Amino acid sequence: MKIKKTLYICIGWIGVALGALGAAVPLIPSVPFLLLAACCFAKGSEKLNSWFIETKLYKNNLESYVQGKGMTLKTKIKIIALVTILMSIGFIAMNKVIVGRIVLAIVWVCHILYFIFGIKTIKQENLE
């Protein structure tokens, strides 16, 4: 059990690092990595989880989503853009694998629909 908690904590720190990088670099989304960190810290360490949910990184990027309020349009666009770029690379790489391309296209469409219709869009000033 100790190994499992240690693994969760390590993955959580990787998520924090990538999420912090995503908060600074426009092309990298921070939300998925911070969600990973939140999940891993919740399972790995109560102390780290308490610390993480009090950080500015969490409050600025995840708090509204976790509370069910939604995401800002800017956050949604960043996530959709990155997923589109990454899936496009896979789509191009699978030029002879038709089934793979179909699966990627379906996943991409579902992803777009989820972010447009499944997650409420909130204004930035609603976060304060």
Protein backbone atom coordinates (compact mmCIF):
# COMPACT_ATOMS: atom_id res chain seq x y z
CA MET A 1 0.00 0.00 0.00
CA LYS A 2 2.90 2.38 0.74
CA ILE A 3 4.25 1.89 -2.79
CA LYS A 4 0.86 2.81 -4.26
CA LYS A 5 0.66 6.02 -2.22
CA THR A 6 4.24 6.93 -3.15
CA LEU A 7 3.40 6.39 -6.82
CA TYR A 8 0.32 8.63 -6.51
CA ILE A 9 2.42 11.34 -4.86
CA CYS A 10 5.12 11.15 -7.56
CA ILE A 11 2.56 11.33 -10.36
CA GLY A 12 0.87 14.20 -8.50
CA TRP A 13 4.10 16.19 -8.44
CA ILE A 14 4.60 15.54 -12.16
CA GLY A 15 1.07 16.86 -12.72
CA VAL A 16 1.82 19.97 -10.64
CA ALA A 17 5.02 20.60 -12.61
CA LEU A 18 3.33 20.20 -15.99
CA GLY A 19 0.32 22.21 -14.81
CA ALA A 20 2.56 25.05 -13.66
CA LEU A 21 4.35 24.92 -17.00
CA GLY A 22 0.97 25.01 -18.74
CA ALA A 23 -0.05 28.06 -16.73
CA ALA A 24 3.03 29.87 -18.04
CA VAL A 25 3.22 28.55 -21.62
CA PRO A 26 0.13 29.33 -23.74
CA LEU A 27 0.27 26.16 -25.87
CA ILE A 28 0.23 23.72 -22.95
CA PRO A 29 -3.05 23.38 -21.05
CA SER A 30 -2.71 23.36 -17.29
CA VAL A 31 -6.14 22.01 -16.34
CA PRO A 32 -5.69 18.31 -17.29
CA PHE A 33 -2.35 18.12 -15.49
CA LEU A 34 -3.69 19.89 -12.42
CA LEU A 35 -6.70 17.55 -12.38
CA LEU A 36 -4.25 14.66 -12.45
CA ALA A 37 -2.33 16.20 -9.56
CA ALA A 38 -5.50 16.78 -7.54
CA CYS A 39 -6.65 13.21 -8.06
CA CYS A 40 -3.26 11.72 -7.21
CA PHE A 41 -2.75 13.88 -4.12
CA ALA A 42 -6.25 13.01 -2.91
CA LYS A 43 -5.39 9.31 -3.13
CA GLY A 44 -1.76 9.60 -2.02
CA SER A 45 -1.57 12.11 0.82
CA GLU A 46 -4.17 14.03 2.79
CA LYS A 47 -1.53 16.60 3.76
CA LEU A 48 -0.44 17.23 0.15
CA ASN A 49 -4.07 17.35 -0.98
CA SER A 50 -4.88 20.00 1.64
CA TRP A 51 -1.82 22.01 0.60
CA PHE A 52 -2.61 21.70 -3.13
CA ILE A 53 -6.22 22.91 -2.90
CA GLU A 54 -5.00 26.03 -1.10
CA THR A 55 -2.47 26.97 -3.81
CA LYS A 56 -3.09 29.81 -6.23
CA LEU A 57 -2.44 27.40 -9.12
CA TYR A 58 -5.39 25.25 -8.04
CA LYS A 59 -7.67 28.18 -7.25
CA ASN A 60 -7.00 29.96 -10.56
CA ASN A 61 -7.30 26.90 -12.79
CA LEU A 62 -9.40 24.18 -11.17
CA GLU A 63 -11.51 25.40 -8.31
CA SER A 64 -14.47 26.57 -10.40
CA TYR A 65 -14.47 23.37 -12.46
CA VAL A 66 -14.25 21.09 -9.41
CA GLN A 67 -17.08 23.02 -7.74
CA GLY A 68 -19.22 22.43 -10.83
CA LYS A 69 -19.33 26.09 -11.89
CA GLY A 70 -17.53 25.54 -15.21
CA MET A 71 -14.46 26.82 -17.06
CA THR A 72 -13.51 30.08 -18.64
CA LEU A 73 -13.63 30.32 -22.42
CA LYS A 74 -9.86 30.85 -22.49
CA THR A 75 -9.25 27.59 -20.60
CA LYS A 76 -11.63 25.68 -22.85
CA ILE A 77 -9.97 27.01 -25.99
CA LYS A 78 -6.48 26.10 -24.73
CA ILE A 79 -7.54 22.54 -23.97
CA ILE A 80 -9.41 22.10 -27.25
CA ALA A 81 -6.49 23.53 -29.23
CA LEU A 82 -3.91 21.23 -27.67
CA VAL A 83 -6.09 18.15 -28.09
CA THR A 84 -6.77 19.11 -31.70
CA ILE A 85 -3.05 19.52 -32.42
CA LEU A 86 -2.12 16.22 -30.77
CA MET A 87 -4.94 14.30 -32.43
CA SER A 88 -4.06 15.83 -35.80
CA ILE A 89 -0.53 14.48 -35.46
CA GLY A 90 -1.95 11.03 -34.74
CA PHE A 91 -4.43 11.38 -37.58
CA ILE A 92 -1.68 12.27 -40.04
CA ALA A 93 0.57 9.48 -38.77
CA MET A 94 -2.22 6.95 -39.39
CA ASN A 95 -2.57 7.73 -43.07
CA LYS A 96 -2.87 4.02 -43.94
CA VAL A 97 -4.88 2.96 -40.88
CA ILE A 98 -8.43 3.95 -41.73
CA VAL A 99 -9.97 2.48 -38.57
CA GLY A 100 -7.49 4.42 -36.43
CA ARG A 101 -8.36 7.63 -38.22
CA ILE A 102 -12.08 7.00 -37.75
CA VAL A 103 -11.60 6.32 -34.03
CA LEU A 104 -9.50 9.47 -33.59
CA ALA A 105 -12.06 11.54 -35.46
CA ILE A 106 -14.91 10.22 -33.29
CA VAL A 107 -12.95 10.84 -30.08
CA TRP A 108 -12.06 14.36 -31.27
CA VAL A 109 -15.69 15.20 -32.12
CA CYS A 110 -16.89 13.85 -28.75
CA HIS A 111 -14.20 15.88 -27.00
CA ILE A 112 -15.24 19.07 -28.76
CA LEU A 113 -18.93 18.46 -28.06
CA TYR A 114 -18.23 17.77 -24.39
CA PHE A 115 -16.29 21.01 -23.95
CA ILE A 116 -18.88 23.06 -25.85
CA PHE A 117 -22.07 21.58 -24.36
CA GLY A 118 -20.98 19.56 -21.31
CA ILE A 119 -18.97 22.16 -19.41
CA LYS A 120 -20.51 25.47 -18.55
CA THR A 121 -18.60 28.53 -19.76
CA ILE A 122 -18.08 31.14 -17.08
CA LYS A 123 -16.68 34.65 -17.23
CA GLN A 124 -13.29 35.38 -15.70
CA GLU A 125 -14.72 37.88 -13.21
CA ASN A 126 -17.03 35.15 -11.83
CA LEU A 127 -13.97 33.37 -10.45
CA GLU A 128 -13.32 35.94 -7.72
